[in-house]
Structures are given as C-alpha cells and as structure tokens.
Amino acid sequence: MALDVYQRLKIWDRPVRLFHWINLLCFLGLLGVGLVIFYGGDLGISNDGKIALKQIHVLIGYVFAANLLVRIIWGFVGSPHARWRHLFAFGPRYRERLARYLRKDGDTDPLHNAGHNPLGQLSVFVLYLLLLSQAVTGLFLAGSDLFWPPVGHLIAEWIAAPGVAPADLVPYAKPLYDPEHYAEMRSLRAPFISLHVYGFYA
C-alpha cells in the first residue's frame, strides 16, 4: 500500500503574518468608524462628534499606512516568498502560467504555486493597489479635514484667512478660512473623497 508523502513548507514569515493581522484589525476599525462618519447626519451626530470620529479614523489610518509602508519595504528585503519578485512574478511566462492554471491542465503543483497561484498573484496585486490608494487618499483627507500630517500644514497655510495663523485653524470653522482658497481646496479634495469612498465599496 502506497503512502502519501507530504512536505511541510514555511512560506509566510512572521513579519508578513503580523502585517496581515494588523491590516485586518485596522480594516475593521476603519470600517466601523467610517460607517458611523458616513451616516453621521442620519445618526444625529454633532460637528464635534464628527471631528472626534474623524480623529479616531485618522489615528487608525496612520497605523494602517505605517503597516503598509513596512510591508512595502519588507517586499524588497524580506524572506524569498515575501519579496515582490515572488509575489508579483509577472514575467514573460505569466500569461502562459495563468492560462494553464485556469485550464487546470498544468502548473497546479503546490510546489510550483507556493504562496499564491497565478490567479492569486493577480488578485493580490489589485488588492495592494487598493490598499495603497486608500492610504494615499486617506492621508490627504486627514490634512484637508483635520489639518493633520502629512499635508495638513500646507492646506492650513493655503486656506487661512488674512490675519489668521494657519496653526489656529480648526475643522468646521469657516470664518477662519479664506472663501476663495477654501473653495479651491474643496475642488482639489473632491476626487480624493471619491476615490476613498469607491475604494471602500471595492
């Protein structure tokens, strides 16, 4: 009677596993707080309440963005399976490997697809683009809504009314804003909001 022989492979190292857990916790926190912010008007939340919720959302977002940045760096210096050249192996033979995988007539050996199969590589690539988009748009909105880093000081200097110190600006205090510059900032901000919201639904 033939016995199946299994080989145990260590694919994902500890930093990658930690990234996934932190990312999950951040996602749940951002989702929960984000939904309350989104439906704040229906829930009767005051402006002060919205500001507090946005502050919590942004603080979680900083952890999310820092975690993503560490993962990006780890993709260049980490273990073999954690590196981008393995995760996104979109070389000349990728289309052939993907077609064979989808047809199930080859390249289905677990050893050949350790980590992610060809279809999984494509989905993870799209997912990382989405995560990066959420991080970038979120950081911009942290500046435009709360005047927080990394761009908050630039926006405050842009929209502060004459005679008002940029450091004195607070959210929802329109008398402190230059109306023309504030309108320009809102126009610039609009596509960032759209991308952030569409990214949430994606």
N, C-alpha and C. Protein backbone atom coordinates (compact mmCIF):
# COMPACT_ATOMS: atom_id res chain seq x y z
N MET A 1 0.85 -1.19 0.00
CA MET A 1 0.00 0.00 0.00
C MET A 1 0.89 1.24 0.00
N ALA A 2 0.67 2.12 -0.98
CA ALA A 2 1.49 3.32 -1.11
C ALA A 2 1.06 4.36 -0.08
N LEU A 3 2.03 5.04 0.47
CA LEU A 3 1.77 6.09 1.44
C LEU A 3 2.05 7.45 0.82
N ASP A 4 1.14 8.39 1.04
CA ASP A 4 1.38 9.75 0.56
C ASP A 4 2.45 10.40 1.42
N VAL A 5 3.35 11.11 0.77
CA VAL A 5 4.42 11.80 1.48
C VAL A 5 4.17 13.30 1.36
N TYR A 6 4.12 13.97 2.49
CA TYR A 6 3.87 15.40 2.50
C TYR A 6 5.11 16.14 2.95
N GLN A 7 5.33 17.26 2.34
CA GLN A 7 6.46 18.11 2.71
C GLN A 7 5.93 19.41 3.29
N ARG A 8 6.38 19.72 4.50
CA ARG A 8 5.94 20.96 5.15
C ARG A 8 6.84 22.10 4.71
N LEU A 9 6.24 23.14 4.15
CA LEU A 9 7.00 24.29 3.67
C LEU A 9 6.66 25.52 4.51
N LYS A 10 7.68 26.28 4.85
CA LYS A 10 7.46 27.55 5.52
C LYS A 10 7.41 28.64 4.45
N ILE A 11 6.23 29.17 4.22
CA ILE A 11 6.04 30.13 3.14
C ILE A 11 6.05 31.56 3.68
N TRP A 12 5.15 31.85 4.59
CA TRP A 12 5.00 33.23 5.08
C TRP A 12 5.76 33.41 6.38
N ASP A 13 6.67 34.37 6.39
CA ASP A 13 7.45 34.63 7.59
C ASP A 13 6.64 35.45 8.59
N ARG A 14 7.21 35.64 9.77
CA ARG A 14 6.48 36.32 10.85
C ARG A 14 6.09 37.76 10.50
N PRO A 15 6.97 38.56 9.90
CA PRO A 15 6.56 39.93 9.55
C PRO A 15 5.35 39.97 8.61
N VAL A 16 5.29 39.05 7.65
CA VAL A 16 4.15 39.03 6.73
C VAL A 16 2.87 38.65 7.47
N ARG A 17 2.97 37.66 8.35
CA ARG A 17 1.80 37.27 9.14
C ARG A 17 1.33 38.42 10.03
N LEU A 18 2.30 39.11 10.64
CA LEU A 18 1.96 40.24 11.50
C LEU A 18 1.30 41.35 10.69
N PHE A 19 1.81 41.59 9.48
CA PHE A 19 1.20 42.59 8.60
C PHE A 19 -0.27 42.27 8.36
N HIS A 20 -0.56 41.00 8.07
CA HIS A 20 -1.94 40.62 7.77
C HIS A 20 -2.86 40.83 8.98
N TRP A 21 -2.39 40.48 10.17
CA TRP A 21 -3.22 40.65 11.35
C TRP A 21 -3.46 42.13 11.67
N ILE A 22 -2.40 42.93 11.59
CA ILE A 22 -2.55 44.37 11.84
C ILE A 22 -3.47 44.99 10.79
N ASN A 23 -3.30 44.56 9.54
CA ASN A 23 -4.13 45.07 8.46
C ASN A 23 -5.60 44.73 8.70
N LEU A 24 -5.86 43.52 9.16
CA LEU A 24 -7.24 43.11 9.45
C LEU A 24 -7.85 43.96 10.55
N LEU A 25 -7.10 44.15 11.65
CA LEU A 25 -7.62 44.94 12.76
C LEU A 25 -7.86 46.40 12.34
N CYS A 26 -6.93 46.95 11.57
CA CYS A 26 -7.12 48.31 11.06
C CYS A 26 -8.34 48.39 10.16
N PHE A 27 -8.48 47.41 9.29
CA PHE A 27 -9.63 47.39 8.37
C PHE A 27 -10.94 47.41 9.15
N LEU A 28 -11.04 46.57 10.17
CA LEU A 28 -12.28 46.51 10.95
C LEU A 28 -12.53 47.83 11.67
N GLY A 29 -11.46 48.41 12.24
CA GLY A 29 -11.61 49.69 12.93
C GLY A 29 -12.00 50.81 11.98
N LEU A 30 -11.32 50.88 10.83
CA LEU A 30 -11.62 51.92 9.85
C LEU A 30 -13.03 51.75 9.29
N LEU A 31 -13.43 50.50 9.07
CA LEU A 31 -14.77 50.23 8.55
C LEU A 31 -15.84 50.69 9.53
N GLY A 32 -15.68 50.29 10.79
CA GLY A 32 -16.68 50.64 11.79
C GLY A 32 -16.81 52.14 11.99
N VAL A 33 -15.68 52.81 12.20
CA VAL A 33 -15.71 54.26 12.42
C VAL A 33 -16.14 54.98 11.15
N GLY A 34 -15.66 54.50 9.99
CA GLY A 34 -16.00 55.13 8.73
C GLY A 34 -17.49 55.09 8.44
N LEU A 35 -18.14 53.98 8.77
CA LEU A 35 -19.59 53.88 8.55
C LEU A 35 -20.35 54.86 9.44
N VAL A 36 -19.90 55.01 10.68
CA VAL A 36 -20.57 55.96 11.57
C VAL A 36 -20.39 57.38 11.05
N ILE A 37 -19.18 57.70 10.55
CA ILE A 37 -18.95 59.03 9.97
C ILE A 37 -19.85 59.24 8.75
N PHE A 38 -19.90 58.22 7.89
CA PHE A 38 -20.65 58.33 6.64
C PHE A 38 -22.13 58.58 6.90
N TYR A 39 -22.67 57.92 7.93
CA TYR A 39 -24.09 58.07 8.24
C TYR A 39 -24.30 58.99 9.45
N GLY A 40 -23.30 59.85 9.70
CA GLY A 40 -23.37 60.74 10.86
C GLY A 40 -24.59 61.63 10.86
N GLY A 41 -24.96 62.14 9.68
CA GLY A 41 -26.14 63.01 9.61
C GLY A 41 -27.41 62.28 10.01
N ASP A 42 -27.57 61.05 9.52
CA ASP A 42 -28.75 60.25 9.86
C ASP A 42 -28.76 59.87 11.33
N LEU A 43 -27.57 59.75 11.92
CA LEU A 43 -27.48 59.36 13.33
C LEU A 43 -27.55 60.55 14.27
N GLY A 44 -27.61 61.76 13.71
CA GLY A 44 -27.71 62.95 14.53
C GLY A 44 -26.44 63.32 15.27
N ILE A 45 -25.29 62.98 14.69
CA ILE A 45 -24.01 63.27 15.33
C ILE A 45 -23.65 64.74 15.10
N SER A 46 -23.23 65.41 16.15
CA SER A 46 -22.87 66.82 16.07
C SER A 46 -21.54 67.00 15.35
N ASN A 47 -21.21 68.26 15.02
CA ASN A 47 -19.93 68.53 14.38
C ASN A 47 -18.76 68.11 15.27
N ASP A 48 -18.88 68.38 16.58
CA ASP A 48 -17.82 67.96 17.50
C ASP A 48 -17.67 66.44 17.50
N GLY A 49 -18.81 65.76 17.43
CA GLY A 49 -18.77 64.30 17.37
C GLY A 49 -18.12 63.81 16.10
N LYS A 50 -18.44 64.47 14.97
CA LYS A 50 -17.83 64.09 13.69
C LYS A 50 -16.32 64.30 13.72
N ILE A 51 -15.90 65.42 14.33
CA ILE A 51 -14.46 65.68 14.42
C ILE A 51 -13.77 64.60 15.24
N ALA A 52 -14.37 64.23 16.37
CA ALA A 52 -13.78 63.18 17.22
C ALA A 52 -13.70 61.85 16.47
N LEU A 53 -14.76 61.53 15.74
CA LEU A 53 -14.76 60.28 14.97
C LEU A 53 -13.71 60.31 13.87
N LYS A 54 -13.58 61.45 13.20
CA LYS A 54 -12.56 61.57 12.16
C LYS A 54 -11.16 61.44 12.75
N GLN A 55 -10.96 61.99 13.94
CA GLN A 55 -9.66 61.87 14.58
C GLN A 55 -9.33 60.41 14.88
N ILE A 56 -10.32 59.67 15.39
CA ILE A 56 -10.11 58.24 15.65
C ILE A 56 -9.82 57.52 14.34
N HIS A 57 -10.60 57.84 13.31
CA HIS A 57 -10.44 57.21 12.00
C HIS A 57 -9.03 57.45 11.45
N VAL A 58 -8.55 58.68 11.58
CA VAL A 58 -7.23 59.02 11.06
C VAL A 58 -6.13 58.35 11.87
N LEU A 59 -6.28 58.28 13.18
CA LEU A 59 -5.27 57.61 14.01
C LEU A 59 -5.13 56.14 13.61
N ILE A 60 -6.27 55.49 13.39
CA ILE A 60 -6.22 54.10 12.91
C ILE A 60 -5.60 54.07 11.52
N GLY A 61 -5.93 55.07 10.71
CA GLY A 61 -5.38 55.15 9.35
C GLY A 61 -3.87 55.30 9.34
N TYR A 62 -3.32 56.02 10.31
CA TYR A 62 -1.87 56.15 10.41
C TYR A 62 -1.23 54.78 10.64
N VAL A 63 -1.84 53.99 11.52
CA VAL A 63 -1.33 52.63 11.77
C VAL A 63 -1.43 51.80 10.50
N PHE A 64 -2.56 51.92 9.81
CA PHE A 64 -2.78 51.21 8.55
C PHE A 64 -1.71 51.58 7.52
N ALA A 65 -1.45 52.89 7.36
CA ALA A 65 -0.47 53.35 6.37
C ALA A 65 0.94 52.95 6.76
N ALA A 66 1.28 53.05 8.05
CA ALA A 66 2.62 52.66 8.50
C ALA A 66 2.83 51.16 8.31
N ASN A 67 1.80 50.38 8.59
CA ASN A 67 1.88 48.93 8.40
C ASN A 67 2.10 48.59 6.93
N LEU A 68 1.39 49.30 6.05
CA LEU A 68 1.55 49.08 4.61
C LEU A 68 2.94 49.48 4.15
N LEU A 69 3.46 50.59 4.67
CA LEU A 69 4.81 51.03 4.31
C LEU A 69 5.85 50.00 4.72
N VAL A 70 5.72 49.45 5.93
CA VAL A 70 6.65 48.41 6.38
C VAL A 70 6.57 47.20 5.47
N ARG A 71 5.35 46.83 5.06
CA ARG A 71 5.19 45.67 4.16
C ARG A 71 5.84 45.94 2.81
N ILE A 72 5.71 47.16 2.31
CA ILE A 72 6.34 47.51 1.03
C ILE A 72 7.85 47.37 1.13
N ILE A 73 8.43 47.88 2.22
CA ILE A 73 9.88 47.76 2.42
C ILE A 73 10.27 46.30 2.57
N TRP A 74 9.47 45.54 3.33
CA TRP A 74 9.78 44.12 3.55
C TRP A 74 9.72 43.35 2.23
N GLY A 75 8.97 43.83 1.28
CA GLY A 75 8.91 43.18 -0.02
C GLY A 75 10.21 43.25 -0.79
N PHE A 76 11.12 44.12 -0.36
CA PHE A 76 12.44 44.22 -1.00
C PHE A 76 13.54 43.53 -0.20
N VAL A 77 13.35 43.39 1.11
CA VAL A 77 14.44 42.87 1.95
C VAL A 77 14.05 41.62 2.73
N GLY A 78 12.80 41.19 2.64
CA GLY A 78 12.33 40.07 3.45
C GLY A 78 12.71 38.72 2.90
N SER A 79 12.07 37.69 3.44
CA SER A 79 12.33 36.31 3.01
C SER A 79 11.90 36.12 1.56
N PRO A 80 12.38 35.06 0.90
CA PRO A 80 12.10 34.88 -0.54
C PRO A 80 10.62 34.97 -0.91
N HIS A 81 9.74 34.31 -0.15
CA HIS A 81 8.33 34.33 -0.52
C HIS A 81 7.65 35.65 -0.19
N ALA A 82 8.29 36.48 0.64
CA ALA A 82 7.72 37.79 0.99
C ALA A 82 8.09 38.86 -0.02
N ARG A 83 9.02 38.57 -0.90
CA ARG A 83 9.53 39.59 -1.81
C ARG A 83 8.60 39.79 -3.01
N TRP A 84 8.63 41.01 -3.52
CA TRP A 84 7.74 41.36 -4.63
C TRP A 84 8.03 40.54 -5.87
N ARG A 85 9.28 40.21 -6.10
CA ARG A 85 9.60 39.46 -7.32
C ARG A 85 8.99 38.06 -7.29
N HIS A 86 8.70 37.56 -6.09
CA HIS A 86 8.00 36.28 -5.99
C HIS A 86 6.48 36.50 -6.01
N LEU A 87 6.04 37.50 -5.25
CA LEU A 87 4.60 37.72 -5.12
C LEU A 87 3.98 38.20 -6.42
N PHE A 88 4.70 39.08 -7.14
CA PHE A 88 4.20 39.61 -8.40
C PHE A 88 5.12 39.18 -9.54
N ALA A 89 5.17 37.88 -9.75
CA ALA A 89 6.06 37.33 -10.78
C ALA A 89 5.39 37.43 -12.15
N PHE A 90 5.21 38.67 -12.63
CA PHE A 90 4.53 38.90 -13.89
C PHE A 90 5.53 38.97 -15.04
N GLY A 91 6.34 37.93 -15.16
CA GLY A 91 7.33 37.89 -16.22
C GLY A 91 6.73 37.45 -17.54
N PRO A 92 7.59 37.18 -18.53
CA PRO A 92 7.12 36.80 -19.87
C PRO A 92 6.22 35.56 -19.87
N ARG A 93 6.43 34.65 -18.92
CA ARG A 93 5.66 33.40 -18.91
C ARG A 93 4.41 33.49 -18.06
N TYR A 94 4.13 34.66 -17.48
CA TYR A 94 2.99 34.73 -16.56
C TYR A 94 1.67 34.42 -17.26
N ARG A 95 1.43 35.00 -18.43
CA ARG A 95 0.16 34.77 -19.13
C ARG A 95 -0.01 33.29 -19.45
N GLU A 96 1.08 32.65 -19.83
CA GLU A 96 1.01 31.21 -20.12
C GLU A 96 0.68 30.43 -18.85
N ARG A 97 1.34 30.78 -17.73
CA ARG A 97 1.08 30.10 -16.47
C ARG A 97 -0.36 30.31 -16.02
N LEU A 98 -0.86 31.54 -16.18
CA LEU A 98 -2.24 31.84 -15.78
C LEU A 98 -3.23 31.05 -16.63
N ALA A 99 -3.01 31.00 -17.94
CA ALA A 99 -3.91 30.26 -18.83
C ALA A 99 -3.91 28.78 -18.48
N ARG A 100 -2.72 28.23 -18.23
CA ARG A 100 -2.63 26.81 -17.88
C ARG A 100 -3.31 26.54 -16.55
N TYR A 101 -3.15 27.47 -15.61
CA TYR A 101 -3.79 27.28 -14.30
C TYR A 101 -5.31 27.31 -14.43
N LEU A 102 -5.83 28.25 -15.22
CA LEU A 102 -7.28 28.36 -15.39
C LEU A 102 -7.85 27.15 -16.11
N ARG A 103 -7.05 26.57 -17.02
CA ARG A 103 -7.50 25.36 -17.73
C ARG A 103 -7.34 24.11 -16.88
N LYS A 104 -6.59 24.24 -15.78
CA LYS A 104 -6.33 23.11 -14.88
C LYS A 104 -5.58 21.98 -15.57
N ASP A 105 -4.79 22.33 -16.59
CA ASP A 105 -4.04 21.27 -17.27
C ASP A 105 -2.54 21.40 -17.03
N GLY A 106 -2.17 22.15 -16.05
CA GLY A 106 -0.74 22.29 -15.75
C GLY A 106 -0.50 23.41 -14.77
N ASP A 107 0.67 23.43 -14.20
CA ASP A 107 1.09 24.46 -13.25
C ASP A 107 0.17 24.51 -12.04
N THR A 108 -0.38 23.35 -11.66
CA THR A 108 -1.21 23.29 -10.46
C THR A 108 -0.49 22.60 -9.31
N ASP A 109 0.76 22.23 -9.51
CA ASP A 109 1.56 21.61 -8.46
C ASP A 109 1.74 22.61 -7.32
N PRO A 110 1.37 22.22 -6.09
CA PRO A 110 1.52 23.16 -4.96
C PRO A 110 2.93 23.70 -4.82
N LEU A 111 3.94 22.90 -5.17
CA LEU A 111 5.31 23.38 -5.05
C LEU A 111 5.59 24.50 -6.06
N HIS A 112 4.93 24.43 -7.21
CA HIS A 112 5.13 25.48 -8.22
C HIS A 112 4.37 26.76 -7.84
N ASN A 113 3.33 26.60 -7.04
CA ASN A 113 2.49 27.75 -6.69
C ASN A 113 2.57 28.06 -5.20
N ALA A 114 3.72 27.81 -4.60
CA ALA A 114 3.88 28.08 -3.18
C ALA A 114 3.64 29.56 -2.92
N GLY A 115 2.75 29.83 -2.00
CA GLY A 115 2.39 31.22 -1.71
C GLY A 115 1.09 31.58 -2.39
N HIS A 116 1.15 31.94 -3.65
CA HIS A 116 -0.06 32.27 -4.42
C HIS A 116 0.06 31.67 -5.81
N ASN A 117 -1.07 31.11 -6.30
CA ASN A 117 -1.10 30.63 -7.67
C ASN A 117 -1.19 31.84 -8.61
N PRO A 118 -1.10 31.63 -9.92
CA PRO A 118 -1.10 32.77 -10.86
C PRO A 118 -2.31 33.69 -10.72
N LEU A 119 -3.49 33.12 -10.50
CA LEU A 119 -4.69 33.94 -10.33
C LEU A 119 -4.62 34.70 -9.00
N GLY A 120 -4.11 34.04 -7.97
CA GLY A 120 -3.95 34.69 -6.68
C GLY A 120 -2.98 35.86 -6.75
N GLN A 121 -1.91 35.71 -7.52
CA GLN A 121 -0.95 36.81 -7.68
C GLN A 121 -1.63 38.04 -8.27
N LEU A 122 -2.49 37.82 -9.25
CA LEU A 122 -3.18 38.94 -9.88
C LEU A 122 -4.13 39.63 -8.89
N SER A 123 -4.87 38.83 -8.13
CA SER A 123 -5.82 39.40 -7.17
C SER A 123 -5.10 40.15 -6.05
N VAL A 124 -3.95 39.63 -5.60
CA VAL A 124 -3.19 40.31 -4.55
C VAL A 124 -2.62 41.63 -5.08
N PHE A 125 -2.19 41.64 -6.34
CA PHE A 125 -1.68 42.87 -6.95
C PHE A 125 -2.76 43.95 -6.94
N VAL A 126 -3.97 43.59 -7.34
CA VAL A 126 -5.09 44.55 -7.33
C VAL A 126 -5.39 44.99 -5.91
N LEU A 127 -5.33 44.06 -4.96
CA LEU A 127 -5.61 44.39 -3.57
C LEU A 127 -4.59 45.38 -3.02
N TYR A 128 -3.31 45.19 -3.34
CA TYR A 128 -2.29 46.12 -2.86
C TYR A 128 -2.47 47.51 -3.48
N LEU A 129 -2.87 47.56 -4.74
CA LEU A 129 -3.16 48.86 -5.35
C LEU A 129 -4.31 49.56 -4.61
N LEU A 130 -5.30 48.78 -4.23
CA LEU A 130 -6.44 49.34 -3.49
C LEU A 130 -6.01 49.84 -2.12
N LEU A 131 -5.19 49.05 -1.42
CA LEU A 131 -4.70 49.46 -0.10
C LEU A 131 -3.88 50.74 -0.20
N LEU A 132 -3.03 50.80 -1.22
CA LEU A 132 -2.19 51.99 -1.41
C LEU A 132 -3.05 53.22 -1.73
N SER A 133 -4.07 53.02 -2.56
CA SER A 133 -4.98 54.12 -2.89
C SER A 133 -5.70 54.63 -1.65
N GLN A 134 -6.17 53.71 -0.80
CA GLN A 134 -6.86 54.12 0.42
C GLN A 134 -5.92 54.87 1.37
N ALA A 135 -4.67 54.41 1.44
CA ALA A 135 -3.71 55.08 2.33
C ALA A 135 -3.41 56.49 1.84
N VAL A 136 -3.14 56.65 0.54
CA VAL A 136 -2.78 57.96 0.00
C VAL A 136 -3.95 58.93 0.10
N THR A 137 -5.12 58.51 -0.32
CA THR A 137 -6.28 59.41 -0.26
C THR A 137 -6.65 59.72 1.19
N GLY A 138 -6.53 58.73 2.06
CA GLY A 138 -6.84 58.96 3.47
C GLY A 138 -5.90 59.96 4.12
N LEU A 139 -4.61 59.87 3.79
CA LEU A 139 -3.65 60.82 4.35
C LEU A 139 -3.92 62.24 3.86
N PHE A 140 -4.32 62.36 2.59
CA PHE A 140 -4.66 63.69 2.09
C PHE A 140 -5.90 64.23 2.81
N LEU A 141 -6.90 63.40 2.98
CA LEU A 141 -8.13 63.84 3.64
C LEU A 141 -7.90 64.17 5.11
N ALA A 142 -6.93 63.51 5.74
CA ALA A 142 -6.57 63.87 7.12
C ALA A 142 -6.08 65.30 7.17
N GLY A 143 -5.38 65.72 6.12
CA GLY A 143 -4.90 67.09 6.06
C GLY A 143 -6.00 68.08 5.71
N SER A 144 -6.87 67.70 4.78
CA SER A 144 -7.91 68.64 4.33
C SER A 144 -9.04 68.78 5.35
N ASP A 145 -9.30 67.73 6.13
CA ASP A 145 -10.41 67.76 7.08
C ASP A 145 -9.99 68.19 8.48
N LEU A 146 -8.80 67.73 8.90
CA LEU A 146 -8.37 67.97 10.29
C LEU A 146 -7.11 68.81 10.39
N PHE A 147 -6.49 69.10 9.23
CA PHE A 147 -5.20 69.81 9.20
C PHE A 147 -4.10 69.01 9.90
N TRP A 148 -4.18 67.69 9.78
CA TRP A 148 -3.18 66.79 10.37
C TRP A 148 -2.14 66.42 9.33
N PRO A 149 -0.98 65.91 9.79
CA PRO A 149 0.08 65.49 8.86
C PRO A 149 -0.41 64.38 7.94
N PRO A 150 0.23 64.22 6.79
CA PRO A 150 1.46 64.90 6.37
C PRO A 150 1.26 66.20 5.58
N VAL A 151 0.03 66.50 5.17
CA VAL A 151 -0.17 67.70 4.32
C VAL A 151 -1.02 68.77 5.00
N GLY A 152 -1.41 68.54 6.24
CA GLY A 152 -2.31 69.47 6.92
C GLY A 152 -1.77 70.88 7.02
N HIS A 153 -0.47 71.01 7.32
CA HIS A 153 0.10 72.36 7.47
C HIS A 153 0.08 73.12 6.14
N LEU A 154 0.27 72.39 5.03
CA LEU A 154 0.23 73.03 3.72
C LEU A 154 -1.18 73.53 3.40
N ILE A 155 -2.17 72.72 3.72
CA ILE A 155 -3.55 73.11 3.45
C ILE A 155 -3.96 74.27 4.35
N ALA A 156 -3.53 74.23 5.61
CA ALA A 156 -3.85 75.32 6.53
C ALA A 156 -3.26 76.64 6.04
N GLU A 157 -2.02 76.60 5.57
CA GLU A 157 -1.39 77.81 5.04
C GLU A 157 -2.12 78.31 3.79
N TRP A 158 -2.66 77.38 3.02
CA TRP A 158 -3.35 77.73 1.78
C TRP A 158 -4.69 78.42 2.05
N ILE A 159 -5.46 77.90 2.99
CA ILE A 159 -6.84 78.37 3.13
C ILE A 159 -7.05 79.35 4.29
N ALA A 160 -6.02 79.61 5.08
CA ALA A 160 -6.20 80.53 6.21
C ALA A 160 -6.57 81.92 5.71
N ALA A 161 -7.55 82.51 6.36
CA ALA A 161 -7.97 83.87 6.00
C ALA A 161 -6.86 84.86 6.36
N PRO A 162 -6.82 86.01 5.69
CA PRO A 162 -5.82 87.02 6.02
C PRO A 162 -5.87 87.39 7.50
N GLY A 163 -4.71 87.39 8.12
CA GLY A 163 -4.63 87.73 9.54
C GLY A 163 -4.85 86.57 10.47
N VAL A 164 -5.17 85.38 9.93
CA VAL A 164 -5.39 84.19 10.75
C VAL A 164 -4.17 83.29 10.64
N ALA A 165 -3.62 82.90 11.77
CA ALA A 165 -2.46 82.00 11.77
C ALA A 165 -2.90 80.61 11.35
N PRO A 166 -2.21 79.98 10.39
CA PRO A 166 -2.59 78.63 9.96
C PRO A 166 -2.71 77.64 11.11
N ALA A 167 -1.87 77.80 12.13
CA ALA A 167 -1.91 76.87 13.26
C ALA A 167 -3.19 77.00 14.07
N ASP A 168 -3.92 78.10 13.89
CA ASP A 168 -5.16 78.32 14.64
C ASP A 168 -6.38 77.73 13.96
N LEU A 169 -6.22 77.21 12.75
CA LEU A 169 -7.38 76.66 12.04
C LEU A 169 -7.87 75.38 12.71
N VAL A 170 -9.19 75.25 12.75
CA VAL A 170 -9.83 74.05 13.27
C VAL A 170 -10.91 73.64 12.28
N PRO A 171 -11.31 72.36 12.28
CA PRO A 171 -12.34 71.91 11.35
C PRO A 171 -13.68 72.62 11.59
N TYR A 172 -14.41 72.81 10.51
CA TYR A 172 -15.76 73.39 10.52
C TYR A 172 -15.78 74.84 11.01
N ALA A 173 -14.67 75.53 10.93
CA ALA A 173 -14.61 76.94 11.37
C ALA A 173 -14.44 77.82 10.14
N LYS A 174 -15.47 77.90 9.31
CA LYS A 174 -15.38 78.62 8.04
C LYS A 174 -15.01 80.09 8.17
N PRO A 175 -15.40 80.79 9.25
CA PRO A 175 -14.98 82.19 9.36
C PRO A 175 -13.46 82.37 9.39
N LEU A 176 -12.73 81.30 9.71
CA LEU A 176 -11.27 81.38 9.75
C LEU A 176 -10.64 81.11 8.38
N TYR A 177 -11.46 80.71 7.41
CA TYR A 177 -10.94 80.30 6.10
C TYR A 177 -11.11 81.43 5.09
N ASP A 178 -10.17 81.51 4.17
CA ASP A 178 -10.32 82.38 3.01
C ASP A 178 -11.32 81.72 2.05
N PRO A 179 -12.46 82.35 1.76
CA PRO A 179 -13.51 81.69 0.97
C PRO A 179 -13.03 81.19 -0.38
N GLU A 180 -12.25 82.00 -1.09
CA GLU A 180 -11.80 81.60 -2.43
C GLU A 180 -10.86 80.41 -2.35
N HIS A 181 -9.88 80.47 -1.45
CA HIS A 181 -8.93 79.37 -1.33
C HIS A 181 -9.59 78.12 -0.77
N TYR A 182 -10.57 78.31 0.11
CA TYR A 182 -11.29 77.16 0.65
C TYR A 182 -12.07 76.45 -0.45
N ALA A 183 -12.69 77.22 -1.33
CA ALA A 183 -13.42 76.62 -2.46
C ALA A 183 -12.47 75.87 -3.38
N GLU A 184 -11.28 76.44 -3.62
CA GLU A 184 -10.29 75.76 -4.45
C GLU A 184 -9.85 74.45 -3.81
N MET A 185 -9.63 74.49 -2.49
CA MET A 185 -9.22 73.28 -1.79
C MET A 185 -10.30 72.21 -1.87
N ARG A 186 -11.55 72.62 -1.74
CA ARG A 186 -12.66 71.67 -1.81
C ARG A 186 -12.72 71.01 -3.19
N SER A 187 -12.43 71.79 -4.23
CA SER A 187 -12.41 71.22 -5.58
C SER A 187 -11.29 70.21 -5.73
N LEU A 188 -10.12 70.54 -5.18
CA LEU A 188 -8.99 69.61 -5.22
C LEU A 188 -9.29 68.35 -4.41
N ARG A 189 -10.00 68.52 -3.32
CA ARG A 189 -10.31 67.43 -2.40
C ARG A 189 -11.33 66.45 -2.97
N ALA A 190 -12.20 66.91 -3.85
CA ALA A 190 -13.32 66.10 -4.34
C ALA A 190 -12.90 64.75 -4.91
N PRO A 191 -11.91 64.68 -5.83
CA PRO A 191 -11.55 63.37 -6.36
C PRO A 191 -10.93 62.45 -5.31
N PHE A 192 -10.27 63.01 -4.31
CA PHE A 192 -9.72 62.18 -3.24
C PHE A 192 -10.84 61.53 -2.44
N ILE A 193 -11.91 62.29 -2.19
CA ILE A 193 -13.06 61.73 -1.49
C ILE A 193 -13.69 60.62 -2.32
N SER A 194 -13.88 60.88 -3.61
CA SER A 194 -14.50 59.88 -4.48
C SER A 194 -13.69 58.59 -4.50
N LEU A 195 -12.37 58.71 -4.67
CA LEU A 195 -11.52 57.52 -4.68
C LEU A 195 -11.58 56.79 -3.36
N HIS A 196 -11.60 57.54 -2.26
CA HIS A 196 -11.62 56.92 -0.94
C HIS A 196 -12.93 56.17 -0.72
N VAL A 197 -14.04 56.77 -1.13
CA VAL A 197 -15.35 56.13 -0.96
C VAL A 197 -15.49 54.93 -1.89
N TYR A 198 -15.09 55.09 -3.17
CA TYR A 198 -15.17 53.97 -4.10
C TYR A 198 -14.25 52.83 -3.66
N GLY A 199 -13.10 53.18 -3.10
CA GLY A 199 -12.20 52.16 -2.58
C GLY A 199 -12.83 51.39 -1.45
N PHE A 200 -13.61 52.07 -0.62
CA PHE A 200 -14.33 51.40 0.46
C PHE A 200 -15.31 50.38 -0.11
N TYR A 201 -16.07 50.77 -1.12
CA TYR A 201 -17.05 49.86 -1.70
C TYR A 201 -16.37 48.71 -2.45
N ALA A 202 -15.18 48.98 -2.99
CA ALA A 202 -14.47 47.91 -3.70
C ALA A 202 -14.01 46.84 -2.74
